[in-house]
Protein backbone atom coordinates (compact mmCIF):
# COMPACT_ATOMS: atom_id res chain seq x y z
CA MET A 1 125.07 120.33 136.77
CA SER A 2 124.11 122.07 140.01
CA TYR A 3 126.12 124.18 142.46
CA LYS A 4 125.75 124.70 146.20
CA THR A 5 126.25 128.13 147.75
CA GLU A 6 126.30 128.98 151.44
CA THR A 7 124.69 132.38 151.97
CA HIS A 8 125.09 132.98 155.72
CA LEU A 9 128.08 132.04 157.83
CA HIS A 10 130.38 133.40 160.52
CA THR A 11 134.03 132.80 161.36
CA LYS A 12 135.67 133.13 164.76
CA GLU A 13 138.23 135.66 163.46
CA SER A 14 135.50 138.26 162.94
CA SER A 15 132.41 137.17 164.88
CA TYR A 16 133.03 136.68 168.58
CA CYS A 17 130.09 134.22 168.78
CA SER A 18 131.60 131.84 166.21
CA GLN A 19 133.81 128.90 167.18
CA VAL A 20 135.23 127.87 163.79
CA SER A 21 138.13 129.49 161.94
CA ALA A 22 137.88 130.47 158.29
CA GLU A 23 140.46 127.84 157.35
CA GLU A 24 138.58 125.01 159.07
CA MET A 25 135.28 126.26 157.66
CA MET A 26 136.61 126.18 154.12
CA HIS A 27 137.74 122.58 154.36
CA LEU A 28 134.45 121.55 155.95
CA TYR A 29 132.36 123.16 153.23
CA LYS A 30 134.60 121.70 150.55
CA GLU A 31 133.92 118.24 151.96
CA LYS A 32 130.19 118.94 151.86
CA GLY A 33 130.31 119.78 148.17
CA TYR A 34 129.76 123.54 148.31
CA LYS A 35 131.27 125.54 145.47
CA THR A 36 130.72 129.02 146.92
CA VAL A 37 130.57 130.47 150.41
CA ILE A 38 129.45 133.98 151.32
CA ILE A 39 130.98 135.10 154.60
CA THR A 40 128.61 137.34 156.55
CA ASN A 41 130.28 138.19 159.84
CA HIS A 42 128.45 140.33 162.37
CA TYR A 43 128.35 144.07 161.81
CA SER A 44 126.84 145.13 165.12
CA MET A 45 127.52 147.71 167.77
CA GLY A 46 128.79 145.03 170.14
CA ASN A 47 130.92 143.09 167.66
CA LEU A 48 132.67 146.17 166.23
CA ASN A 49 133.29 147.76 169.62
CA ILE A 50 135.64 144.98 170.68
CA PRO A 51 138.11 146.35 171.63
CA MET A 52 137.06 149.99 171.93
CA ALA A 53 140.65 151.16 171.34
CA TYR A 54 140.50 150.25 167.65
CA SER A 55 140.11 153.00 165.09
CA TRP A 56 137.15 152.65 162.71
CA GLU A 57 139.41 151.37 159.91
CA GLU A 58 140.89 148.78 162.29
CA ARG A 59 137.40 147.64 163.26
CA ILE A 60 136.54 147.07 159.61
CA ASP A 61 139.84 145.24 159.13
CA TYR A 62 138.73 142.98 162.00
CA LEU A 63 135.35 142.46 160.32
CA LEU A 64 137.10 141.43 157.09
CA LEU A 65 139.70 139.14 158.64
CA GLY A 66 137.70 135.91 158.40
CA TYR A 67 136.75 136.66 154.80
CA LYS A 68 140.34 137.41 153.81
CA ASN A 69 141.65 134.29 155.55
CA ALA A 70 139.10 132.19 153.67
CA GLN A 71 139.89 133.90 150.39
CA LYS A 72 143.52 132.78 150.67
CA LEU A 73 142.34 129.17 150.30
CA SER A 74 139.88 129.75 147.47
CA SER A 75 142.25 128.82 144.64
CA SER A 76 143.74 125.72 146.25
CA LEU A 77 140.29 124.39 147.14
CA SER A 78 138.67 125.51 143.85
CA MET A 79 135.99 127.42 145.73
CA ASN A 80 134.54 130.91 145.45
CA VAL A 81 134.69 133.09 148.56
CA LEU A 82 132.40 136.13 148.56
CA PHE A 83 131.74 138.90 151.06
CA GLY A 84 128.67 140.15 152.85
CA ILE A 85 127.73 141.31 156.34
CA GLU A 86 125.00 140.62 158.87
CA LEU A 87 124.03 144.06 160.12
CA THR A 88 122.10 144.52 163.36
CA LEU A 89 120.20 147.80 163.39
CA TYR A 90 119.94 149.60 166.72
CA GLU A 91 116.48 150.87 165.72
CA THR A 92 114.82 147.50 165.12
CA ARG A 93 117.24 145.16 166.93
CA SER A 94 116.79 142.93 163.88
CA ASP A 95 119.40 141.46 161.55
CA TYR A 96 119.87 142.11 157.84
CA LEU A 97 122.16 140.28 155.41
CA ILE A 98 123.74 142.72 152.97
CA TYR A 99 125.43 141.55 149.78
CA GLY A 100 127.44 143.72 147.39
CA ILE A 101 128.78 146.00 150.10
CA THR A 102 132.56 146.63 149.92
CA GLU A 103 135.49 147.24 152.22
CA GLN A 104 135.84 150.79 150.89
CA PHE A 105 132.18 151.55 151.51
CA LEU A 106 132.37 150.23 155.06
CA LYS A 107 135.43 152.32 155.86
CA GLU A 108 133.96 155.48 154.35
CA ASN A 109 130.50 155.10 155.93
CA LYS A 110 130.73 154.60 159.69
CA HIS A 111 128.25 153.17 162.18
CA LEU A 112 125.68 151.80 159.75
CA TYR A 113 123.89 150.20 162.71
CA ASN A 114 122.67 153.69 163.72
CA LEU A 115 120.63 154.10 160.53
CA THR A 116 116.87 153.76 160.42
CA LEU A 117 115.56 150.83 158.43
CA LYS A 118 114.35 153.16 155.69
CA GLU A 119 117.77 154.84 155.50
CA LEU A 120 119.44 151.44 155.23
CA VAL A 121 117.03 150.28 152.52
CA ASP A 122 117.62 153.49 150.57
CA ILE A 123 121.40 153.12 150.80
CA CYS A 124 121.17 149.54 149.55
CA LYS A 125 118.92 150.56 146.68
CA ASN A 126 121.14 153.48 145.67
CA ASN A 127 124.28 151.32 145.70
CA ASN A 128 122.77 148.15 144.18
CA PHE A 129 123.32 146.16 147.37
CA LEU A 130 120.99 143.26 148.09
CA ILE A 131 119.40 143.37 151.55
CA VAL A 132 117.68 140.32 153.06
CA GLU A 133 116.12 140.10 156.50
CA ALA A 134 117.70 137.25 158.46
CA HIS A 135 115.58 134.84 160.55
CA PRO A 136 112.62 137.26 160.86
CA PHE A 137 110.49 135.03 163.10
CA ARG A 138 112.99 134.52 165.91
CA ASP A 139 112.22 135.98 169.31
CA ASN A 140 112.78 139.75 169.50
CA MET A 141 112.98 140.21 165.73
CA GLU A 142 110.87 142.90 164.07
CA LEU A 143 109.44 141.76 160.76
CA VAL A 144 110.29 144.18 157.98
CA PRO A 145 107.24 146.07 156.60
CA LEU A 146 105.85 144.61 153.39
CA GLU A 147 106.19 147.97 151.65
CA PHE A 148 109.92 147.32 151.30
CA ASN A 149 109.31 144.07 149.37
CA MET A 150 112.47 142.70 150.97
CA PRO A 151 113.58 139.09 150.50
CA ILE A 152 113.70 137.21 153.77
CA GLU A 153 115.54 134.19 155.10
CA VAL A 154 112.82 131.59 154.80
CA TYR A 155 115.08 128.84 156.15
CA ASN A 156 117.77 129.38 158.81
CA GLY A 157 119.80 126.32 159.76
CA CYS A 158 121.32 127.45 163.06
CA HIS A 159 120.88 124.39 165.26
CA ASP A 160 120.49 125.97 168.71
CA VAL A 161 118.00 128.79 167.99
CA ASN A 162 114.32 128.49 167.07
CA SER A 163 113.99 130.51 163.87
CA ARG A 164 110.42 129.30 163.23
CA ASN A 165 111.21 128.51 159.62
CA GLU A 166 107.72 127.17 158.99
CA LEU A 167 106.25 130.61 159.74
CA ALA A 168 108.79 132.29 157.45
CA LYS A 169 107.99 129.90 154.61
CA LYS A 170 104.26 130.51 155.01
CA TYR A 171 104.75 134.28 155.16
CA VAL A 172 106.80 134.33 151.96
CA LYS A 173 104.24 132.25 150.10
CA GLU A 174 101.30 134.36 151.26
CA ASN A 175 102.98 137.64 150.38
CA LYS A 176 104.76 136.52 147.20
CA LEU A 177 108.21 137.43 148.51
CA ILE A 178 111.58 135.88 147.73
CA GLY A 179 112.86 133.52 150.40
CA ILE A 180 116.45 132.37 150.76
CA SER A 181 118.14 129.78 152.96
CA GLY A 182 121.35 129.96 154.98
CA SER A 183 123.05 127.77 157.57
CA ASP A 184 123.88 130.70 159.87
CA PHE A 185 127.07 128.75 160.53
CA HIS A 186 128.74 129.41 163.90
CA HIS A 187 129.55 125.91 165.11
CA ILE A 188 130.24 122.48 163.63
CA ASN A 189 126.62 121.52 164.28
CA ASP A 190 125.49 124.28 161.89
CA LEU A 191 127.55 122.93 158.99
CA ALA A 192 125.79 122.74 155.61
CA ARG A 193 122.30 123.12 157.11
CA GLY A 194 121.30 125.73 154.55
CA GLY A 195 122.16 127.61 151.39
CA ILE A 196 120.94 127.54 147.82
CA ILE A 197 121.34 125.35 144.76
CA THR A 198 121.72 126.90 141.30
CA ASP A 199 122.18 125.60 137.78
CA THR A 200 125.06 128.00 137.20
CA GLU A 201 128.12 128.58 139.34
CA ILE A 202 128.04 131.68 141.53
CA LYS A 203 131.47 133.21 141.01
CA THR A 204 130.81 136.82 142.01
CA ILE A 205 128.54 138.59 144.46
CA GLN A 206 126.67 140.06 141.48
CA ASP A 207 126.00 136.51 140.27
CA TYR A 208 124.42 135.82 143.64
CA ILE A 209 122.37 139.02 143.65
CA ASN A 210 121.09 138.22 140.17
CA VAL A 211 119.94 134.67 140.97
CA VAL A 212 118.18 135.86 144.12
CA LEU A 213 116.35 138.73 142.44
CA GLU A 214 115.40 136.48 139.53
CA ASN A 215 114.40 133.76 142.02
CA LYS A 216 116.37 131.18 140.03
CA PHE A 217 117.46 128.85 142.82
CA GLU A 218 116.29 126.12 145.17
CA ILE A 219 116.85 126.21 148.89
CA ILE A 220 118.84 123.74 150.97
CA THR A 221 117.43 122.59 154.32
CA SER A 222 119.17 120.87 157.22
CA ASN A 223 118.90 117.39 155.73
CA MET A 224 120.44 118.65 152.44
CA ALA A 225 117.11 118.15 150.67
CA LYS A 226 115.67 120.60 148.21
CA ASP A 227 112.60 122.33 149.62
C-alpha cells in the first residue's frame, strides 16, 4: 500500500496570498486521495506584520490558524494534519520550508526572518528541525550553498509561477542532494500538483523528517505521476 503526503500548502486564514480555506482544502485533498497534509503557511516579515497592532503571540496565533482549523477535521476525514512553515529570510530573500518547528518555539523565538542563513541552519540542526529550500530556481531566489547539504524542492507545482523544476531536478542529481516535491497550494489550480508517495503512512512530523532524510519516497508531479 502507498500513501500520498502534501508537503507544501497555504491556507487563506494564515497566508494572505492564498484563496482557499483550511476546511475546503481538507475536503479537496481527501478527494484526491492524500492521507497527510503538511500546512506551511508563510512566515515572512510582510505576512506576520498584518496587522501591525498584533502582539508577537497574536501574530503566531494567526500563523497557526489555518493549521488548527484543518486539524479539527483530521479525525472525521481520517487524515493526518501536520505543521511546518515557509520562512522567507530577509538576508537572502529566499524561502525555506521548516518541519518540526513548534508553536512554543515560534512564540519564544521572535523574528526568525532576521537571521542569517547560517544562523537558521544552525538552529534547525540544534533542534532537529528539517530545513528544505523551496523552489530554488525561481526568479530572485538565491540558491543555498552546497556546503549546507540542504534538501531542495526539486518539483514545485504552483501553476502560475515558473519554478524551473527541470533545473532543480538536474541540480539535485549532479550534486547528490535530496529533492522533494510540493504543490505549493494557494489556489484550486494548484491542487494535488505535488507531494510525495511513501510505503508507510506519515502520521507525525518526525515520520516525515525520517523518510526525507532516508530518501525513502517518490515524488508526485502535476499529472499525479511518479517521477
